[in-house]
Amino acid sequence: MSSQPQVYVTRPDVDISGLELLRKSCNVTTWSQALPVPRDELLRQIKGKDALYCALTDKIDAAVLDAAGEQLKCIATISVGYEHIDVDECHKRGIRVGYTPDVLTDATAELTLALLLATNRRLFEANKEVYNGGWKSWAPMWMCGHGLKNSRVGFFGFGRIGQEIAARIVPFKPAKITYTTRTARPEEAAKVNAEHVSFDEMLCSSDFIVVSCALTPNTKEIFNAAAFEKMKTNCIFINTARGGVVDQMALCEALQAKRILAAGLDVTTPEPLPLDDPLLKLDNVVVLPHIGSADIETRKEMSRITARNILAALQGCEMEAEVK
């Protein structure tokens, strides 16, 4: 048996640069298909491994840790989110957990702005009309959307990504930017002239609501029927954070009843959405397949950070980004 550390990688389609870093000093085993590794396969392959390189699509719980054995030293996920990992259980067993928090900030902020513009200016609706014969001629009010200028934009969550989205919105000249967080961030908010407000005030006053928070027990389905009822009827709801922050049925019902105007989603529950999901039947929804960080250079660096996290943990060194 090789004396090199044993690493299992759940995705063969990650950028090769990260795998090459690992292969210089580790024996790397990789799942063979560009799809999430089946549960039974993960439980078989993790046995005897020193480290696990995983993704959001992999549920890492006590059963996986039991199957791995006591020699498992670290788990590194190629994502900023780590709710798919039972971090408490890992820490109880002395298993270190790495993630990739900073590198995808700009890519996600860019995608969020693109999704917001595509939704409020009805770009996907308009594009369909080009192909289905709906475009007859120029018409004064046809396919009109709502501009960002002079609007009120509310943020739920104002961390790195929220701040970068806000900075990109400022040139569009909104009347006001507000944000809701547990703790005010006055220094960061001052850069975009944003005001800290309560959750209810943000819901009631915003023309656009941008979700950029983490998924926690406190934020799970916080956007529920009661929340959508408080929003303005012209409100456009944008979520590029986590699908679990939203009660999706309540969102669908709010859109169908026109209690809110439209929604742009890069995250859903489940992922992918079934083709018969009612959200996909609505014209006032833009749904993307969770591509917030799908910038080529960003994904390459995420792969390298994940590998470097593993190598650092195996050597007993400080990880580049560790969940404490």
C-alpha atoms as a PDB file:
ATOM      1  CA  MET A   1       0.000   0.000   0.000  1.00  0.00           C
ATOM      2  CA  SER A   2       1.209   3.521  -0.824  1.00  0.00           C
ATOM      3  CA  SER A   3       2.697   5.492   2.047  1.00  0.00           C
ATOM      4  CA  GLN A   4       1.238   8.657   0.557  1.00  0.00           C
ATOM      5  CA  PRO A   5      -1.931  10.141   2.107  1.00  0.00           C
ATOM      6  CA  GLN A   6      -5.115   8.789   0.535  1.00  0.00           C
ATOM      7  CA  VAL A   7      -7.544  11.411  -0.820  1.00  0.00           C
ATOM      8  CA  TYR A   8     -10.995  10.770  -2.265  1.00  0.00           C
ATOM      9  CA  VAL A   9     -12.447  13.324  -4.712  1.00  0.00           C
ATOM     10  CA  THR A  10     -16.198  13.193  -5.291  1.00  0.00           C
ATOM     11  CA  ARG A  11     -16.170  15.143  -8.568  1.00  0.00           C
ATOM     12  CA  PRO A  12     -13.940  14.282 -11.551  1.00  0.00           C
ATOM     13  CA  ASP A  13     -15.045  17.462 -13.361  1.00  0.00           C
ATOM     14  CA  VAL A  14     -13.341  19.949 -11.035  1.00  0.00           C
ATOM     15  CA  ASP A  15     -10.521  21.947 -12.599  1.00  0.00           C
ATOM     16  CA  ILE A  16      -7.465  19.769 -13.077  1.00  0.00           C
ATOM     17  CA  SER A  17      -5.082  22.264 -11.448  1.00  0.00           C
ATOM     18  CA  GLY A  18      -6.369  21.391  -7.975  1.00  0.00           C
ATOM     19  CA  LEU A  19      -6.078  17.661  -8.604  1.00  0.00           C
ATOM     20  CA  GLU A  20      -2.547  18.100  -9.918  1.00  0.00           C
ATOM     21  CA  LEU A  21      -1.546  19.821  -6.680  1.00  0.00           C
ATOM     22  CA  LEU A  22      -2.851  16.863  -4.701  1.00  0.00           C
ATOM     23  CA  ARG A  23      -1.260  14.233  -6.923  1.00  0.00           C
ATOM     24  CA  LYS A  24       2.214  15.611  -6.254  1.00  0.00           C
ATOM     25  CA  SER A  25       2.145  14.211  -2.736  1.00  0.00           C
ATOM     26  CA  CYS A  26      -1.077  12.197  -2.361  1.00  0.00           C
ATOM     27  CA  ASN A  27      -2.692   9.094  -3.770  1.00  0.00           C
ATOM     28  CA  VAL A  28      -5.886  10.493  -5.315  1.00  0.00           C
ATOM     29  CA  THR A  29      -8.988   8.416  -6.060  1.00  0.00           C
ATOM     30  CA  THR A  30     -11.786  10.091  -8.005  1.00  0.00           C
ATOM     31  CA  TRP A  31     -15.426   9.270  -8.669  1.00  0.00           C
ATOM     32  CA  SER A  32     -15.663   8.455 -12.377  1.00  0.00           C
ATOM     33  CA  GLN A  33     -18.738  10.366 -13.531  1.00  0.00           C
ATOM     34  CA  ALA A  34     -19.475  14.092 -13.906  1.00  0.00           C
ATOM     35  CA  LEU A  35     -22.479  13.683 -11.609  1.00  0.00           C
ATOM     36  CA  PRO A  36     -22.879  13.624  -7.816  1.00  0.00           C
ATOM     37  CA  VAL A  37     -21.364  10.472  -6.359  1.00  0.00           C
ATOM     38  CA  PRO A  38     -24.077   8.009  -5.246  1.00  0.00           C
ATOM     39  CA  ARG A  39     -24.394   7.618  -1.494  1.00  0.00           C
ATOM     40  CA  ASP A  40     -23.454   3.934  -1.459  1.00  0.00           C
ATOM     41  CA  GLU A  41     -20.401   4.618  -3.616  1.00  0.00           C
ATOM     42  CA  LEU A  42     -19.241   7.407  -1.285  1.00  0.00           C
ATOM     43  CA  LEU A  43     -19.626   5.132   1.729  1.00  0.00           C
ATOM     44  CA  ARG A  44     -17.509   2.465   0.007  1.00  0.00           C
ATOM     45  CA  GLN A  45     -14.805   4.733  -1.339  1.00  0.00           C
ATOM     46  CA  ILE A  46     -14.279   6.858   1.762  1.00  0.00           C
ATOM     47  CA  LYS A  47     -13.071   3.873   3.780  1.00  0.00           C
ATOM     48  CA  GLY A  48      -9.443   4.271   4.791  1.00  0.00           C
ATOM     49  CA  LYS A  49      -9.017   7.742   3.282  1.00  0.00           C
ATOM     50  CA  ASP A  50      -7.059  10.504   4.983  1.00  0.00           C
ATOM     51  CA  ALA A  51      -8.903  13.373   3.299  1.00  0.00           C
ATOM     52  CA  LEU A  52     -12.079  14.057   1.371  1.00  0.00           C
ATOM     53  CA  TYR A  53     -12.472  16.603  -1.444  1.00  0.00           C
ATOM     54  CA  CYS A  54     -16.229  17.155  -1.813  1.00  0.00           C
ATOM     55  CA  ALA A  55     -18.904  19.485  -3.174  1.00  0.00           C
ATOM     56  CA  LEU A  56     -22.276  20.913  -2.163  1.00  0.00           C
ATOM     57  CA  THR A  57     -23.959  17.890  -3.724  1.00  0.00           C
ATOM     58  CA  ASP A  58     -22.415  15.527  -1.142  1.00  0.00           C
ATOM     59  CA  LYS A  59     -24.045  14.996   2.249  1.00  0.00           C
ATOM     60  CA  ILE A  60     -21.270  14.446   4.742  1.00  0.00           C
ATOM     61  CA  ASP A  61     -22.760  13.172   7.983  1.00  0.00           C
ATOM     62  CA  ALA A  62     -21.909  10.783  10.807  1.00  0.00           C
ATOM     63  CA  ALA A  63     -22.509   7.746   8.598  1.00  0.00           C
ATOM     64  CA  VAL A  64     -19.880   8.940   6.118  1.00  0.00           C
ATOM     65  CA  LEU A  65     -17.435   9.703   8.924  1.00  0.00           C
ATOM     66  CA  ASP A  66     -18.034   6.273  10.432  1.00  0.00           C
ATOM     67  CA  ALA A  67     -17.395   4.647   7.062  1.00  0.00           C
ATOM     68  CA  ALA A  68     -14.177   6.613   6.623  1.00  0.00           C
ATOM     69  CA  GLY A  69     -12.559   5.482   9.831  1.00  0.00           C
ATOM     70  CA  GLU A  70     -10.440   7.215  12.440  1.00  0.00           C
ATOM     71  CA  GLN A  71      -7.634   8.161  10.084  1.00  0.00           C
ATOM     72  CA  LEU A  72      -9.782  10.781   8.245  1.00  0.00           C
ATOM     73  CA  LYS A  73      -8.083  14.077   9.036  1.00  0.00           C
ATOM     74  CA  CYS A  74      -9.849  16.641   6.907  1.00  0.00           C
ATOM     75  CA  ILE A  75     -12.732  17.422   4.586  1.00  0.00           C
ATOM     76  CA  ALA A  76     -12.501  20.242   2.055  1.00  0.00           C
ATOM     77  CA  THR A  77     -15.480  21.426   0.035  1.00  0.00           C
ATOM     78  CA  ILE A  78     -15.239  23.311  -3.242  1.00  0.00           C
ATOM     79  CA  SER A  79     -17.842  25.832  -2.118  1.00  0.00           C
ATOM     80  CA  VAL A  80     -18.420  28.773   0.189  1.00  0.00           C
ATOM     81  CA  GLY A  81     -21.391  27.003   1.761  1.00  0.00           C
ATOM     82  CA  TYR A  82     -20.818  24.053   4.081  1.00  0.00           C
ATOM     83  CA  GLU A  83     -24.323  23.201   5.286  1.00  0.00           C
ATOM     84  CA  HIS A  84     -23.967  19.822   3.549  1.00  0.00           C
ATOM     85  CA  ILE A  85     -21.285  18.907   6.102  1.00  0.00           C
ATOM     86  CA  ASP A  86     -22.052  18.051   9.719  1.00  0.00           C
ATOM     87  CA  VAL A  87     -19.358  20.386  11.006  1.00  0.00           C
ATOM     88  CA  ASP A  88     -20.119  19.756  14.681  1.00  0.00           C
ATOM     89  CA  GLU A  89     -19.687  16.023  14.202  1.00  0.00           C
ATOM     90  CA  CYS A  90     -16.428  16.600  12.319  1.00  0.00           C
ATOM     91  CA  HIS A  91     -15.036  18.769  15.088  1.00  0.00           C
ATOM     92  CA  LYS A  92     -16.026  16.229  17.746  1.00  0.00           C
ATOM     93  CA  ARG A  93     -13.845  13.734  15.910  1.00  0.00           C
ATOM     94  CA  GLY A  94     -10.958  16.130  15.324  1.00  0.00           C
ATOM     95  CA  ILE A  95     -11.631  16.341  11.584  1.00  0.00           C
ATOM     96  CA  ARG A  96     -10.815  19.732  10.102  1.00  0.00           C
ATOM     97  CA  VAL A  97     -13.127  21.315   7.524  1.00  0.00           C
ATOM     98  CA  GLY A  98     -12.026  23.655   4.727  1.00  0.00           C
ATOM     99  CA  TYR A  99     -14.062  25.767   2.316  1.00  0.00           C
ATOM    100  CA  THR A 100     -13.604  28.532  -0.310  1.00  0.00           C
ATOM    101  CA  PRO A 101     -15.231  31.704   1.068  1.00  0.00           C
ATOM    102  CA  ASP A 102     -13.582  34.696  -0.604  1.00  0.00           C
ATOM    103  CA  VAL A 103     -12.633  33.715  -4.120  1.00  0.00           C
ATOM    104  CA  LEU A 104     -16.157  33.589  -5.546  1.00  0.00           C
ATOM    105  CA  THR A 105     -17.339  36.952  -4.178  1.00  0.00           C
ATOM    106  CA  ASP A 106     -16.888  38.942  -7.386  1.00  0.00           C
ATOM    107  CA  ALA A 107     -18.241  36.229  -9.669  1.00  0.00           C
ATOM    108  CA  THR A 108     -21.374  35.821  -7.550  1.00  0.00           C
ATOM    109  CA  ALA A 109     -21.889  39.581  -7.317  1.00  0.00           C
ATOM    110  CA  GLU A 110     -21.635  39.895 -11.111  1.00  0.00           C
ATOM    111  CA  LEU A 111     -24.102  37.062 -11.656  1.00  0.00           C
ATOM    112  CA  THR A 112     -26.532  38.563  -9.131  1.00  0.00           C
ATOM    113  CA  LEU A 113     -26.512  41.896 -10.922  1.00  0.00           C
ATOM    114  CA  ALA A 114     -27.006  40.147 -14.275  1.00  0.00           C
ATOM    115  CA  LEU A 115     -29.937  38.159 -12.860  1.00  0.00           C
ATOM    116  CA  LEU A 116     -31.468  41.284 -11.352  1.00  0.00           C
ATOM    117  CA  LEU A 117     -31.274  43.128 -14.683  1.00  0.00           C
ATOM    118  CA  ALA A 118     -32.561  40.148 -16.641  1.00  0.00           C
ATOM    119  CA  THR A 119     -35.552  39.932 -14.305  1.00  0.00           C
ATOM    120  CA  ASN A 120     -36.473  43.588 -13.953  1.00  0.00           C
ATOM    121  CA  ARG A 121     -36.022  44.344 -17.673  1.00  0.00           C
ATOM    122  CA  ARG A 122     -37.809  41.108 -18.653  1.00  0.00           C
ATOM    123  CA  LEU A 123     -34.964  39.960 -20.901  1.00  0.00           C
ATOM    124  CA  PHE A 124     -35.914  36.283 -20.966  1.00  0.00           C
ATOM    125  CA  GLU A 125     -39.537  37.093 -21.735  1.00  0.00           C
ATOM    126  CA  ALA A 126     -38.483  39.432 -24.524  1.00  0.00           C
ATOM    127  CA  ASN A 127     -36.035  36.910 -25.960  1.00  0.00           C
ATOM    128  CA  LYS A 128     -38.795  34.299 -26.255  1.00  0.00           C
ATOM    129  CA  GLU A 129     -40.938  36.761 -28.210  1.00  0.00           C
ATOM    130  CA  VAL A 130     -38.213  37.046 -30.849  1.00  0.00           C
ATOM    131  CA  TYR A 131     -38.462  33.313 -31.536  1.00  0.00           C
ATOM    132  CA  ASN A 132     -42.184  32.673 -31.126  1.00  0.00           C
ATOM    133  CA  GLY A 133     -43.485  35.431 -33.385  1.00  0.00           C
ATOM    134  CA  GLY A 134     -44.603  37.744 -30.620  1.00  0.00           C
ATOM    135  CA  TRP A 135     -42.342  40.538 -31.877  1.00  0.00           C
ATOM    136  CA  LYS A 136     -44.582  42.304 -34.397  1.00  0.00           C
ATOM    137  CA  SER A 137     -43.162  45.824 -34.304  1.00  0.00           C
ATOM    138  CA  TRP A 138     -41.942  48.464 -31.910  1.00  0.00           C
ATOM    139  CA  ALA A 139     -44.639  49.330 -29.373  1.00  0.00           C
ATOM    140  CA  PRO A 140     -44.505  52.098 -26.724  1.00  0.00           C
ATOM    141  CA  MET A 141     -45.294  49.989 -23.649  1.00  0.00           C
ATOM    142  CA  TRP A 142     -44.505  46.480 -24.830  1.00  0.00           C
ATOM    143  CA  MET A 143     -41.998  44.535 -22.723  1.00  0.00           C
ATOM    144  CA  CYS A 144     -41.414  47.475 -20.417  1.00  0.00           C
ATOM    145  CA  GLY A 145     -39.712  46.642 -17.149  1.00  0.00           C
ATOM    146  CA  HIS A 146     -38.680  48.520 -14.020  1.00  0.00           C
ATOM    147  CA  GLY A 147     -35.396  50.402 -13.775  1.00  0.00           C
ATOM    148  CA  LEU A 148     -33.043  50.567 -10.808  1.00  0.00           C
ATOM    149  CA  LYS A 149     -32.791  54.348 -10.997  1.00  0.00           C
ATOM    150  CA  ASN A 150     -34.653  56.034  -8.123  1.00  0.00           C
ATOM    151  CA  SER A 151     -35.632  52.655  -6.672  1.00  0.00           C
ATOM    152  CA  ARG A 152     -35.194  51.287  -3.144  1.00  0.00           C
ATOM    153  CA  VAL A 153     -32.999  48.185  -3.000  1.00  0.00           C
ATOM    154  CA  GLY A 154     -33.038  46.073   0.150  1.00  0.00           C
ATOM    155  CA  PHE A 155     -30.445  43.449   1.087  1.00  0.00           C
ATOM    156  CA  PHE A 156     -31.035  40.540   3.409  1.00  0.00           C
ATOM    157  CA  GLY A 157     -27.477  39.769   4.445  1.00  0.00           C
ATOM    158  CA  PHE A 158     -24.658  42.242   3.950  1.00  0.00           C
ATOM    159  CA  GLY A 159     -21.448  40.252   4.061  1.00  0.00           C
ATOM    160  CA  ARG A 160     -18.751  40.212   1.405  1.00  0.00           C
ATOM    161  CA  ILE A 161     -21.051  39.236  -1.439  1.00  0.00           C
ATOM    162  CA  GLY A 162     -23.877  41.565  -0.422  1.00  0.00           C
ATOM    163  CA  GLN A 163     -21.477  44.490  -0.208  1.00  0.00           C
ATOM    164  CA  GLU A 164     -20.041  43.755  -3.649  1.00  0.00           C
ATOM    165  CA  ILE A 165     -23.520  43.502  -5.183  1.00  0.00           C
ATOM    166  CA  ALA A 166     -24.453  46.827  -3.602  1.00  0.00           C
ATOM    167  CA  ALA A 167     -21.303  48.456  -4.967  1.00  0.00           C
ATOM    168  CA  ARG A 168     -22.284  47.330  -8.468  1.00  0.00           C
ATOM    169  CA  ILE A 169     -25.810  48.681  -8.056  1.00  0.00           C
ATOM    170  CA  VAL A 170     -24.695  52.187  -6.987  1.00  0.00           C
ATOM    171  CA  PRO A 171     -23.871  53.352 -10.567  1.00  0.00           C
ATOM    172  CA  PHE A 172     -27.494  52.652 -11.525  1.00  0.00           C
ATOM    173  CA  LYS A 173     -28.496  55.507  -9.179  1.00  0.00           C
ATOM    174  CA  PRO A 174     -30.961  53.905  -6.770  1.00  0.00           C
ATOM    175  CA  ALA A 175     -32.741  56.276  -4.416  1.00  0.00           C
ATOM    176  CA  LYS A 176     -31.880  54.190  -1.367  1.00  0.00           C
ATOM    177  CA  ILE A 177     -30.022  51.027  -0.379  1.00  0.00           C
ATOM    178  CA  THR A 178     -31.009  49.347   2.867  1.00  0.00           C
ATOM    179  CA  TYR A 179     -29.817  46.163   4.515  1.00  0.00           C
ATOM    180  CA  THR A 180     -30.926  43.801   7.260  1.00  0.00           C
ATOM    181  CA  THR A 181     -28.393  41.941   9.379  1.00  0.00           C
ATOM    182  CA  ARG A 182     -28.186  40.863  13.015  1.00  0.00           C
ATOM    183  CA  THR A 183     -25.444  43.448  13.564  1.00  0.00           C
ATOM    184  CA  ALA A 184     -25.117  46.761  11.777  1.00  0.00           C
ATOM    185  CA  ARG A 185     -22.042  47.250   9.584  1.00  0.00           C
ATOM    186  CA  PRO A 186     -21.656  51.051   9.556  1.00  0.00           C
ATOM    187  CA  GLU A 187     -18.200  51.222   8.008  1.00  0.00           C
ATOM    188  CA  GLU A 188     -19.066  48.867   5.145  1.00  0.00           C
ATOM    189  CA  ALA A 189     -22.499  50.447   4.670  1.00  0.00           C
ATOM    190  CA  ALA A 190     -21.033  53.946   4.414  1.00  0.00           C
ATOM    191  CA  LYS A 191     -19.189  52.947   1.225  1.00  0.00           C
ATOM    192  CA  VAL A 192     -22.509  52.567  -0.597  1.00  0.00           C
ATOM    193  CA  ASN A 193     -24.557  54.937   1.578  1.00  0.00           C
ATOM    194  CA  ALA A 194     -26.661  52.040   2.851  1.00  0.00           C
ATOM    195  CA  GLU A 195     -28.926  52.165   5.900  1.00  0.00           C
ATOM    196  CA  HIS A 196     -29.431  49.366   8.421  1.00  0.00           C
ATOM    197  CA  VAL A 197     -33.152  48.655   8.873  1.00  0.00           C
ATOM    198  CA  SER A 198     -35.351  46.002  10.434  1.00  0.00           C
ATOM    199  CA  PHE A 199     -36.449  42.962   8.461  1.00  0.00           C
ATOM    200  CA  ASP A 200     -40.040  44.215   8.340  1.00  0.00           C
ATOM    201  CA  GLU A 201     -39.015  47.662   7.127  1.00  0.00           C
ATOM    202  CA  MET A 202     -36.861  46.143   4.398  1.00  0.00           C
ATOM    203  CA  LEU A 203     -39.769  43.948   3.293  1.00  0.00           C
ATOM    204  CA  CYS A 204     -42.294  46.777   3.250  1.00  0.00           C
ATOM    205  CA  SER A 205     -40.210  49.490   1.592  1.00  0.00           C
ATOM    206  CA  SER A 206     -38.084  47.762  -1.067  1.00  0.00           C
ATOM    207  CA  ASP A 207     -38.676  47.756  -4.813  1.00  0.00           C
ATOM    208  CA  PHE A 208     -35.960  45.115  -5.114  1.00  0.00           C
ATOM    209  CA  ILE A 209     -34.976  42.588  -2.446  1.00  0.00           C
ATOM    210  CA  VAL A 210     -31.630  40.821  -2.826  1.00  0.00           C
ATOM    211  CA  VAL A 211     -30.921  37.771  -0.665  1.00  0.00           C
ATOM    212  CA  SER A 212     -27.224  37.316   0.100  1.00  0.00           C
ATOM    213  CA  CYS A 213     -27.206  35.561   3.469  1.00  0.00           C
ATOM    214  CA  ALA A 214     -26.019  32.182   4.705  1.00  0.00           C
ATOM    215  CA  LEU A 215     -28.473  29.349   5.293  1.00  0.00           C
ATOM    216  CA  THR A 216     -28.774  28.808   9.052  1.00  0.00           C
ATOM    217  CA  PRO A 217     -31.559  27.632  11.365  1.00  0.00           C
ATOM    218  CA  ASN A 218     -32.450  31.319  11.810  1.00  0.00           C
ATOM    219  CA  THR A 219     -32.683  32.066   8.081  1.00  0.00           C
ATOM    220  CA  LYS A 220     -34.316  28.822   6.926  1.00  0.00           C
ATOM    221  CA  GLU A 221     -37.526  29.722   5.045  1.00  0.00           C
ATOM    222  CA  ILE A 222     -37.486  33.232   6.523  1.00  0.00           C
ATOM    223  CA  PHE A 223     -38.992  34.346   3.240  1.00  0.00           C
ATOM    224  CA  ASN A 224     -42.364  32.750   3.824  1.00  0.00           C
ATOM    225  CA  ALA A 225     -45.980  33.619   3.042  1.00  0.00           C
ATOM    226  CA  ALA A 226     -46.052  36.278   5.766  1.00  0.00           C
ATOM    227  CA  ALA A 227     -42.894  37.900   4.374  1.00  0.00           C
ATOM    228  CA  PHE A 228     -44.186  37.980   0.789  1.00  0.00           C
ATOM    229  CA  GLU A 229     -47.480  39.454   2.043  1.00  0.00           C
ATOM    230  CA  LYS A 230     -45.565  42.461   3.413  1.00  0.00           C
ATOM    231  CA  MET A 231     -43.714  43.199   0.172  1.00  0.00           C
ATOM    232  CA  LYS A 232     -44.788  45.850  -2.298  1.00  0.00           C
ATOM    233  CA  THR A 233     -46.765  44.549  -5.285  1.00  0.00           C
ATOM    234  CA  ASN A 234     -44.068  45.904  -7.607  1.00  0.00           C
ATOM    235  CA  CYS A 235     -41.259  44.179  -5.644  1.00  0.00           C
ATOM    236  CA  ILE A 236     -38.749  42.040  -7.519  1.00  0.00           C
ATOM    237  CA  PHE A 237     -37.185  39.277  -5.411  1.00  0.00           C
ATOM    238  CA  ILE A 238     -33.646  38.060  -6.190  1.00  0.00           C
ATOM    239  CA  ASN A 239     -32.006  35.062  -4.510  1.00  0.00           C
ATOM    240  CA  THR A 240     -28.463  33.933  -5.261  1.00  0.00           C
ATOM    241  CA  ALA A 241     -27.756  32.700  -1.705  1.00  0.00           C
ATOM    242  CA  ARG A 242     -29.442  29.393  -0.816  1.00  0.00           C
ATOM    243  CA  GLY A 243     -32.759  27.933  -1.864  1.00  0.00           C
ATOM    244  CA  GLY A 244     -33.553  26.926   1.705  1.00  0.00           C
ATOM    245  CA  VAL A 245     -33.871  30.577   2.763  1.00  0.00           C
ATOM    246  CA  VAL A 246     -37.183  30.633   0.873  1.00  0.00           C
ATOM    247  CA  ASP A 247     -40.468  28.816   1.361  1.00  0.00           C
ATOM    248  CA  GLN A 248     -40.640  28.054  -2.338  1.00  0.00           C
ATOM    249  CA  MET A 249     -44.338  27.197  -2.436  1.00  0.00           C
ATOM    250  CA  ALA A 250     -45.120  30.516  -0.758  1.00  0.00           C
ATOM    251  CA  LEU A 251     -42.960  32.300  -3.328  1.00  0.00           C
ATOM    252  CA  CYS A 252     -44.730  30.542  -6.175  1.00  0.00           C
ATOM    253  CA  GLU A 253     -48.137  31.448  -4.767  1.00  0.00           C
ATOM    254  CA  ALA A 254     -47.082  35.090  -4.300  1.00  0.00           C
ATOM    255  CA  LEU A 255     -45.949  35.275  -7.917  1.00  0.00           C
ATOM    256  CA  GLN A 256     -49.078  33.563  -9.239  1.00  0.00           C
ATOM    257  CA  ALA A 257     -51.329  35.904  -7.249  1.00  0.00           C
ATOM    258  CA  LYS A 258     -49.202  38.912  -8.266  1.00  0.00           C
ATOM    259  CA  ARG A 259     -48.590  39.857  -4.630  1.00  0.00           C
ATOM    260  CA  ILE A 260     -45.058  40.531  -5.871  1.00  0.00           C
ATOM    261  CA  LEU A 261     -44.026  41.398  -9.402  1.00  0.00           C
ATOM    262  CA  ALA A 262     -41.246  38.964 -10.296  1.00  0.00           C
ATOM    263  CA  ALA A 263     -38.385  36.806  -9.029  1.00  0.00           C
ATOM    264  CA  GLY A 264     -34.890  35.929 -10.189  1.00  0.00           C
ATOM    265  CA  LEU A 265     -33.423  32.753  -8.700  1.00  0.00           C
ATOM    266  CA  ASP A 266     -30.013  31.143  -9.040  1.00  0.00           C
ATOM    267  CA  VAL A 267     -30.792  28.758  -6.172  1.00  0.00           C
ATOM    268  CA  THR A 268     -33.836  26.586  -5.578  1.00  0.00           C
ATOM    269  CA  THR A 269     -35.130  23.655  -3.540  1.00  0.00           C
ATOM    270  CA  PRO A 270     -34.424  21.063  -4.778  1.00  0.00           C
ATOM    271  CA  GLU A 271     -31.607  21.483  -7.266  1.00  0.00           C
ATOM    272  CA  PRO A 272     -32.176  20.821 -10.073  1.00  0.00           C
ATOM    273  CA  LEU A 273     -35.844  21.754 -10.171  1.00  0.00           C
ATOM    274  CA  PRO A 274     -38.152  19.075 -11.598  1.00  0.00           C
ATOM    275  CA  LEU A 275     -39.301  20.053 -15.081  1.00  0.00           C
ATOM    276  CA  ASP A 276     -42.919  20.099 -13.899  1.00  0.00           C
ATOM    277  CA  ASP A 277     -42.212  22.493 -11.003  1.00  0.00           C
ATOM    278  CA  PRO A 278     -44.821  25.284 -10.992  1.00  0.00           C
ATOM    279  CA  LEU A 279     -42.114  27.979 -10.879  1.00  0.00           C
ATOM    280  CA  LEU A 280     -41.027  26.980 -14.368  1.00  0.00           C
ATOM    281  CA  LYS A 281     -44.498  27.649 -15.726  1.00  0.00           C
ATOM    282  CA  LEU A 282     -44.455  31.334 -14.725  1.00  0.00           C
ATOM    283  CA  ASP A 283     -43.414  34.126 -17.080  1.00  0.00           C
ATOM    284  CA  ASN A 284     -42.416  36.433 -14.222  1.00  0.00           C
ATOM    285  CA  VAL A 285     -39.617  34.175 -12.961  1.00  0.00           C
ATOM    286  CA  VAL A 286     -36.051  33.784 -14.197  1.00  0.00           C
ATOM    287  CA  VAL A 287     -34.422  30.577 -12.932  1.00  0.00           C
ATOM    288  CA  LEU A 288     -30.734  29.825 -13.387  1.00  0.00           C
ATOM    289  CA  PRO A 289     -29.003  26.507 -12.553  1.00  0.00           C
ATOM    290  CA  HIS A 290     -26.891  27.671  -9.567  1.00  0.00           C
ATOM    291  CA  ILE A 291     -24.136  29.301 -11.635  1.00  0.00           C
ATOM    292  CA  GLY A 292     -23.245  32.141  -9.272  1.00  0.00           C
ATOM    293  CA  SER A 293     -19.563  31.236  -9.152  1.00  0.00           C
ATOM    294  CA  ALA A 294     -19.414  29.822 -12.683  1.00  0.00           C
ATOM    295  CA  ASP A 295     -16.597  32.045 -13.831  1.00  0.00           C
ATOM    296  CA  ILE A 296     -13.756  30.002 -15.309  1.00  0.00           C
ATOM    297  CA  GLU A 297     -10.934  31.589 -13.342  1.00  0.00           C
ATOM    298  CA  THR A 298     -13.010  31.541 -10.155  1.00  0.00           C
ATOM    299  CA  ARG A 299     -13.735  27.821 -10.458  1.00  0.00           C
ATOM    300  CA  LYS A 300     -10.069  27.104 -11.165  1.00  0.00           C
ATOM    301  CA  GLU A 301      -9.008  28.955  -8.030  1.00  0.00           C
ATOM    302  CA  MET A 302     -11.734  27.239  -5.977  1.00  0.00           C
ATOM    303  CA  SER A 303     -10.263  23.913  -7.057  1.00  0.00           C
ATOM    304  CA  ARG A 304      -6.758  24.988  -6.041  1.00  0.00           C
ATOM    305  CA  ILE A 305      -7.897  26.383  -2.675  1.00  0.00           C
ATOM    306  CA  THR A 306      -9.701  23.128  -1.907  1.00  0.00           C
ATOM    307  CA  ALA A 307      -6.534  21.189  -2.684  1.00  0.00           C
ATOM    308  CA  ARG A 308      -4.354  23.554  -0.655  1.00  0.00           C
ATOM    309  CA  ASN A 309      -6.735  23.243   2.296  1.00  0.00           C
ATOM    310  CA  ILE A 310      -6.297  19.463   2.200  1.00  0.00           C
ATOM    311  CA  LEU A 311      -2.526  19.611   1.885  1.00  0.00           C
ATOM    312  CA  ALA A 312      -2.232  22.077   4.761  1.00  0.00           C
ATOM    313  CA  ALA A 313      -4.422  19.941   7.023  1.00  0.00           C
ATOM    314  CA  LEU A 314      -2.497  16.781   6.195  1.00  0.00           C
ATOM    315  CA  GLN A 315       0.726  18.574   7.121  1.00  0.00           C
ATOM    316  CA  GLY A 316      -0.723  19.947  10.356  1.00  0.00           C
ATOM    317  CA  CYS A 317      -0.510  23.518   9.065  1.00  0.00           C
ATOM    318  CA  GLU A 318      -2.999  26.381   9.015  1.00  0.00           C
ATOM    319  CA  MET A 319      -5.581  25.925   6.281  1.00  0.00           C
ATOM    320  CA  GLU A 320      -6.179  28.693   3.782  1.00  0.00           C
ATOM    321  CA  ALA A 321      -9.859  28.791   4.764  1.00  0.00           C
ATOM    322  CA  GLU A 322     -11.064  26.651   7.659  1.00  0.00           C
ATOM    323  CA  VAL A 323     -14.490  26.368   9.252  1.00  0.00           C
ATOM    324  CA  LYS A 324     -13.825  26.922  12.937  1.00  0.00           C
END
